[in-house]
Structure formats: C-alpha cells, structure tokens
Amino acid sequence: MTVRLRVLDDGAWISVNDRREVSVSELWRVEATDFCSCDLVDFVVENFQTVGVNGQTIEVIVYGQCIACGATGETEWLPVGRVIDGEFAVFDESTVRRTRESRKPETNSG
C-alpha cells in the first residue's frame, strides 16, 4: 500500500495522503541527546524540513527551539504518527518523542 507524504506551505504542514495532518507551532516533549543538554527538550516546532517513513512510522526532521535553554536547530528523525491499515494516526502531543539517535540500542562491548 502506497502512502503519499509531503511537506507543504514552506514547511508549515505534513501532508499524508493529500491531507494536512501535522502542523508547526506545536510544543513537543523530545528526548534528543544530540539537540541540547536538557534531559527532556520542550521543543517548539517551527518548520518541517523533510518527512519519511520507517516501517509503519511516519518520521520528520524539524527545525525548532528548546524553550527551556533557548537552543535552536534541526533534530534527527522524530516520529509523528503511524500508518495502520492505510490510515494515518497521529501520536498524542503529550507523548515523549525520541530521535532515532536516542532510540538506538546500546551495544555490549564486552
């Protein structure tokens, strides 16, 4: 099953199957060790850079700001929702999102 993903309106929206589903100006809780030194980033989404799919999960790279420390920049890939039976389901805004980097399994070097 094909799912059509696009960034619309100069990065203001993510479109899934030609429907605007996720917008900027949201506040996300993010675990992103590569973004800033905050344990959990209170991240204001300012612009979607790109959108992609990882299995059934729709992920985005976004530009924004941590409102706690003021750091700005792009994140690594962050999940925004899932496609189940051809339908998009957005993740709850209160969900802690983890960058792909933060989700990597730890390796045992012993």
N, C-alpha and C. Protein backbone atom coordinates (compact mmCIF):
# COMPACT_ATOMS: atom_id res chain seq x y z
N MET A 1 0.84 -1.17 0.00
CA MET A 1 0.00 0.00 0.00
C MET A 1 0.89 1.24 0.00
N THR A 2 0.63 2.16 -0.88
CA THR A 2 1.40 3.38 -1.01
C THR A 2 0.79 4.49 -0.15
N VAL A 3 1.67 5.20 0.55
CA VAL A 3 1.25 6.35 1.35
C VAL A 3 2.00 7.56 0.80
N ARG A 4 1.28 8.60 0.48
CA ARG A 4 1.88 9.81 -0.09
C ARG A 4 2.20 10.79 1.03
N LEU A 5 3.48 11.16 1.14
CA LEU A 5 3.95 12.07 2.18
C LEU A 5 4.55 13.31 1.53
N ARG A 6 4.20 14.48 2.07
CA ARG A 6 4.77 15.72 1.56
C ARG A 6 4.86 16.77 2.66
N VAL A 7 5.81 17.67 2.51
CA VAL A 7 5.89 18.88 3.33
C VAL A 7 5.23 19.98 2.52
N LEU A 8 4.27 20.68 3.13
CA LEU A 8 3.51 21.73 2.43
C LEU A 8 3.75 23.11 3.03
N ASP A 9 3.40 24.12 2.27
CA ASP A 9 3.38 25.52 2.71
C ASP A 9 4.69 25.95 3.37
N ASP A 10 5.78 25.74 2.63
CA ASP A 10 7.11 26.15 3.10
C ASP A 10 7.46 25.57 4.47
N GLY A 11 7.08 24.33 4.71
CA GLY A 11 7.43 23.65 5.95
C GLY A 11 6.43 23.78 7.07
N ALA A 12 5.25 24.30 6.80
CA ALA A 12 4.25 24.52 7.86
C ALA A 12 3.40 23.29 8.15
N TRP A 13 3.29 22.37 7.22
CA TRP A 13 2.42 21.20 7.38
C TRP A 13 3.08 19.93 6.84
N ILE A 14 2.69 18.81 7.44
CA ILE A 14 2.98 17.49 6.87
C ILE A 14 1.67 16.96 6.31
N SER A 15 1.72 16.58 5.07
CA SER A 15 0.55 16.01 4.39
C SER A 15 0.74 14.51 4.26
N VAL A 16 -0.29 13.77 4.66
CA VAL A 16 -0.31 12.31 4.50
C VAL A 16 -1.51 11.98 3.62
N ASN A 17 -1.24 11.36 2.48
CA ASN A 17 -2.30 11.04 1.51
C ASN A 17 -3.15 12.26 1.17
N ASP A 18 -2.44 13.37 0.91
CA ASP A 18 -3.06 14.63 0.47
C ASP A 18 -3.99 15.26 1.51
N ARG A 19 -3.75 14.97 2.79
CA ARG A 19 -4.50 15.61 3.88
C ARG A 19 -3.51 16.22 4.86
N ARG A 20 -3.71 17.46 5.22
CA ARG A 20 -2.84 18.12 6.21
C ARG A 20 -3.10 17.49 7.57
N GLU A 21 -2.04 16.90 8.11
CA GLU A 21 -2.20 16.13 9.34
C GLU A 21 -1.45 16.69 10.54
N VAL A 22 -0.25 17.24 10.33
CA VAL A 22 0.59 17.72 11.44
C VAL A 22 1.07 19.12 11.08
N SER A 23 0.93 20.06 12.04
CA SER A 23 1.33 21.44 11.76
C SER A 23 2.43 21.91 12.70
N VAL A 24 3.07 23.02 12.31
CA VAL A 24 4.08 23.64 13.16
C VAL A 24 3.39 24.36 14.32
N SER A 25 4.17 24.99 15.17
CA SER A 25 3.71 25.75 16.34
C SER A 25 3.22 24.85 17.46
N GLU A 26 3.50 23.56 17.37
CA GLU A 26 3.16 22.65 18.46
C GLU A 26 4.33 22.57 19.43
N LEU A 27 4.04 22.24 20.66
CA LEU A 27 5.07 22.01 21.67
C LEU A 27 5.20 20.51 21.89
N TRP A 28 6.38 19.97 21.61
CA TRP A 28 6.64 18.54 21.78
C TRP A 28 7.64 18.33 22.90
N ARG A 29 7.46 17.26 23.65
CA ARG A 29 8.47 16.79 24.61
C ARG A 29 9.36 15.82 23.84
N VAL A 30 10.65 16.10 23.82
CA VAL A 30 11.57 15.33 22.98
C VAL A 30 12.77 14.88 23.79
N GLU A 31 13.12 13.60 23.65
CA GLU A 31 14.37 13.09 24.18
C GLU A 31 15.33 13.07 23.00
N ALA A 32 16.25 14.03 23.00
CA ALA A 32 17.17 14.18 21.87
C ALA A 32 18.54 14.59 22.41
N THR A 33 19.35 13.62 22.74
CA THR A 33 20.66 13.90 23.34
C THR A 33 21.55 14.70 22.42
N ASP A 34 21.26 14.71 21.14
CA ASP A 34 22.08 15.43 20.17
C ASP A 34 21.61 16.87 19.94
N PHE A 35 20.51 17.29 20.57
CA PHE A 35 19.97 18.63 20.30
C PHE A 35 20.47 19.67 21.30
N CYS A 36 20.28 19.39 22.58
CA CYS A 36 20.76 20.30 23.62
C CYS A 36 21.02 19.48 24.88
N SER A 37 21.45 20.15 25.94
CA SER A 37 21.81 19.42 27.15
C SER A 37 20.64 19.14 28.09
N CYS A 38 19.44 19.59 27.75
CA CYS A 38 18.26 19.33 28.59
C CYS A 38 17.92 17.84 28.57
N ASP A 39 17.51 17.30 29.72
CA ASP A 39 17.12 15.89 29.78
C ASP A 39 15.95 15.60 28.85
N LEU A 40 14.91 16.39 28.96
CA LEU A 40 13.79 16.35 28.03
C LEU A 40 13.64 17.74 27.44
N VAL A 41 13.61 17.82 26.13
CA VAL A 41 13.54 19.10 25.44
C VAL A 41 12.08 19.52 25.30
N ASP A 42 11.76 20.72 25.77
CA ASP A 42 10.45 21.32 25.49
C ASP A 42 10.61 22.03 24.15
N PHE A 43 10.23 21.36 23.07
CA PHE A 43 10.59 21.74 21.72
C PHE A 43 9.42 22.38 20.99
N VAL A 44 9.59 23.62 20.56
CA VAL A 44 8.59 24.29 19.74
C VAL A 44 8.94 24.01 18.28
N VAL A 45 8.02 23.36 17.57
CA VAL A 45 8.21 23.02 16.17
C VAL A 45 8.00 24.27 15.32
N GLU A 46 9.04 24.69 14.59
CA GLU A 46 8.95 25.90 13.78
C GLU A 46 8.87 25.62 12.28
N ASN A 47 9.48 24.50 11.83
CA ASN A 47 9.50 24.23 10.39
C ASN A 47 9.82 22.76 10.15
N PHE A 48 9.02 22.11 9.31
CA PHE A 48 9.33 20.74 8.90
C PHE A 48 10.33 20.78 7.76
N GLN A 49 11.45 20.09 7.92
CA GLN A 49 12.49 20.06 6.90
C GLN A 49 12.24 18.96 5.88
N THR A 50 11.87 17.78 6.36
CA THR A 50 11.61 16.64 5.47
C THR A 50 10.75 15.63 6.21
N VAL A 51 10.11 14.76 5.45
CA VAL A 51 9.25 13.72 6.01
C VAL A 51 9.62 12.39 5.36
N GLY A 52 9.52 11.32 6.13
CA GLY A 52 9.83 9.99 5.60
C GLY A 52 9.09 8.92 6.37
N VAL A 53 9.34 7.69 5.99
CA VAL A 53 8.68 6.56 6.63
C VAL A 53 9.74 5.56 7.08
N ASN A 54 9.53 4.99 8.25
CA ASN A 54 10.41 3.98 8.81
C ASN A 54 9.50 2.84 9.27
N GLY A 55 9.32 1.84 8.40
CA GLY A 55 8.33 0.79 8.67
C GLY A 55 6.95 1.38 8.55
N GLN A 56 6.16 1.34 9.62
CA GLN A 56 4.83 1.95 9.63
C GLN A 56 4.83 3.35 10.25
N THR A 57 5.99 3.77 10.75
CA THR A 57 6.08 5.04 11.46
C THR A 57 6.46 6.18 10.52
N ILE A 58 5.69 7.27 10.58
CA ILE A 58 5.99 8.48 9.83
C ILE A 58 6.92 9.32 10.70
N GLU A 59 8.06 9.73 10.12
CA GLU A 59 9.05 10.49 10.86
C GLU A 59 9.37 11.79 10.12
N VAL A 60 9.83 12.78 10.89
CA VAL A 60 10.17 14.08 10.33
C VAL A 60 11.49 14.57 10.91
N ILE A 61 12.16 15.41 10.14
CA ILE A 61 13.25 16.21 10.66
C ILE A 61 12.68 17.62 10.73
N VAL A 62 12.81 18.24 11.91
CA VAL A 62 12.21 19.55 12.11
C VAL A 62 13.23 20.56 12.62
N TYR A 63 12.95 21.82 12.34
CA TYR A 63 13.71 22.92 12.90
C TYR A 63 12.85 23.52 14.01
N GLY A 64 13.49 23.84 15.12
CA GLY A 64 12.74 24.44 16.21
C GLY A 64 13.63 24.91 17.33
N GLN A 65 13.01 25.14 18.49
CA GLN A 65 13.71 25.71 19.62
C GLN A 65 13.31 25.04 20.92
N CYS A 66 14.29 24.81 21.79
CA CYS A 66 14.02 24.35 23.16
C CYS A 66 13.65 25.59 23.97
N ILE A 67 12.46 25.59 24.55
CA ILE A 67 12.02 26.78 25.29
C ILE A 67 12.67 26.86 26.66
N ALA A 68 13.30 25.78 27.14
CA ALA A 68 13.96 25.81 28.44
C ALA A 68 15.33 26.48 28.37
N CYS A 69 16.15 26.11 27.36
CA CYS A 69 17.51 26.65 27.29
C CYS A 69 17.74 27.58 26.10
N GLY A 70 16.80 27.63 25.15
CA GLY A 70 16.93 28.53 24.01
C GLY A 70 17.68 27.97 22.81
N ALA A 71 18.17 26.72 22.90
CA ALA A 71 18.88 26.12 21.76
C ALA A 71 17.96 26.03 20.56
N THR A 72 18.51 26.29 19.37
CA THR A 72 17.74 26.19 18.13
C THR A 72 18.48 25.28 17.16
N GLY A 73 17.75 24.71 16.23
CA GLY A 73 18.38 23.89 15.20
C GLY A 73 17.46 22.79 14.72
N GLU A 74 18.04 21.88 13.96
CA GLU A 74 17.31 20.73 13.42
C GLU A 74 17.48 19.53 14.34
N THR A 75 16.45 18.71 14.38
CA THR A 75 16.51 17.46 15.12
C THR A 75 16.96 16.34 14.18
N GLU A 76 17.25 15.19 14.76
CA GLU A 76 17.34 13.96 13.98
C GLU A 76 15.90 13.54 13.69
N TRP A 77 15.71 12.38 13.08
CA TRP A 77 14.36 11.90 12.76
C TRP A 77 13.52 11.71 14.02
N LEU A 78 12.32 12.28 14.02
CA LEU A 78 11.36 12.16 15.12
C LEU A 78 10.06 11.55 14.63
N PRO A 79 9.47 10.62 15.38
CA PRO A 79 8.18 10.04 14.97
C PRO A 79 7.03 11.02 15.21
N VAL A 80 6.08 11.06 14.26
CA VAL A 80 4.89 11.91 14.42
C VAL A 80 3.60 11.11 14.38
N GLY A 81 3.66 9.92 13.83
CA GLY A 81 2.46 9.10 13.73
C GLY A 81 2.76 7.77 13.07
N ARG A 82 1.70 7.03 12.82
CA ARG A 82 1.83 5.68 12.28
C ARG A 82 0.74 5.45 11.24
N VAL A 83 1.06 4.66 10.23
CA VAL A 83 0.06 4.26 9.25
C VAL A 83 -0.38 2.84 9.58
N ILE A 84 -1.67 2.68 9.84
CA ILE A 84 -2.23 1.38 10.18
C ILE A 84 -3.41 1.13 9.25
N ASP A 85 -3.33 0.04 8.49
CA ASP A 85 -4.37 -0.31 7.51
C ASP A 85 -4.67 0.85 6.56
N GLY A 86 -3.60 1.54 6.14
CA GLY A 86 -3.75 2.62 5.18
C GLY A 86 -4.21 3.94 5.76
N GLU A 87 -4.47 4.01 7.06
CA GLU A 87 -4.94 5.24 7.71
C GLU A 87 -3.85 5.81 8.62
N PHE A 88 -3.70 7.12 8.61
CA PHE A 88 -2.71 7.79 9.44
C PHE A 88 -3.27 8.06 10.83
N ALA A 89 -2.50 7.73 11.85
CA ALA A 89 -2.87 8.02 13.24
C ALA A 89 -1.73 8.83 13.85
N VAL A 90 -2.02 10.09 14.20
CA VAL A 90 -1.01 10.97 14.77
C VAL A 90 -0.76 10.56 16.23
N PHE A 91 0.49 10.68 16.67
CA PHE A 91 0.81 10.41 18.07
C PHE A 91 0.30 11.56 18.93
N ASP A 92 -0.15 11.25 20.13
CA ASP A 92 -0.63 12.24 21.08
C ASP A 92 0.46 13.28 21.34
N GLU A 93 0.07 14.55 21.42
CA GLU A 93 1.04 15.63 21.64
C GLU A 93 1.80 15.47 22.95
N SER A 94 1.22 14.80 23.94
CA SER A 94 1.89 14.64 25.23
C SER A 94 2.91 13.50 25.23
N THR A 95 2.96 12.73 24.14
CA THR A 95 3.93 11.64 24.03
C THR A 95 5.35 12.19 24.00
N VAL A 96 6.26 11.55 24.73
CA VAL A 96 7.67 11.91 24.64
C VAL A 96 8.21 11.28 23.36
N ARG A 97 8.70 12.12 22.47
CA ARG A 97 9.25 11.63 21.20
C ARG A 97 10.74 11.45 21.37
N ARG A 98 11.26 10.39 20.79
CA ARG A 98 12.69 10.11 20.87
C ARG A 98 13.27 10.13 19.46
N THR A 99 14.39 10.84 19.30
CA THR A 99 15.03 10.83 18.00
C THR A 99 15.54 9.43 17.70
N ARG A 100 15.72 9.15 16.44
CA ARG A 100 16.24 7.84 16.05
C ARG A 100 17.57 7.59 16.75
N GLU A 101 18.39 8.62 16.90
CA GLU A 101 19.67 8.50 17.61
C GLU A 101 19.43 8.05 19.05
N SER A 102 18.43 8.63 19.72
CA SER A 102 18.12 8.28 21.12
C SER A 102 17.55 6.88 21.24
N ARG A 103 16.97 6.35 20.17
CA ARG A 103 16.34 5.02 20.22
C ARG A 103 17.29 3.89 19.87
N LYS A 104 18.52 4.23 19.45
CA LYS A 104 19.47 3.17 19.07
C LYS A 104 19.71 2.25 20.25
N PRO A 105 19.72 0.94 20.00
CA PRO A 105 20.01 0.02 21.10
C PRO A 105 21.47 0.15 21.52
N GLU A 106 21.70 0.00 22.81
CA GLU A 106 23.08 0.05 23.30
C GLU A 106 23.79 -1.22 22.89
N THR A 107 25.08 -1.08 22.61
CA THR A 107 25.87 -2.25 22.25
C THR A 107 26.69 -2.70 23.43
N ASN A 108 26.89 -3.97 23.54
CA ASN A 108 27.68 -4.54 24.61
C ASN A 108 29.09 -4.76 24.08
N SER A 109 30.06 -4.07 24.66
CA SER A 109 31.43 -4.17 24.16
C SER A 109 32.27 -5.15 24.96
N GLY A 110 31.63 -6.08 25.63
CA GLY A 110 32.41 -6.99 26.47
C GLY A 110 32.24 -8.37 26.18
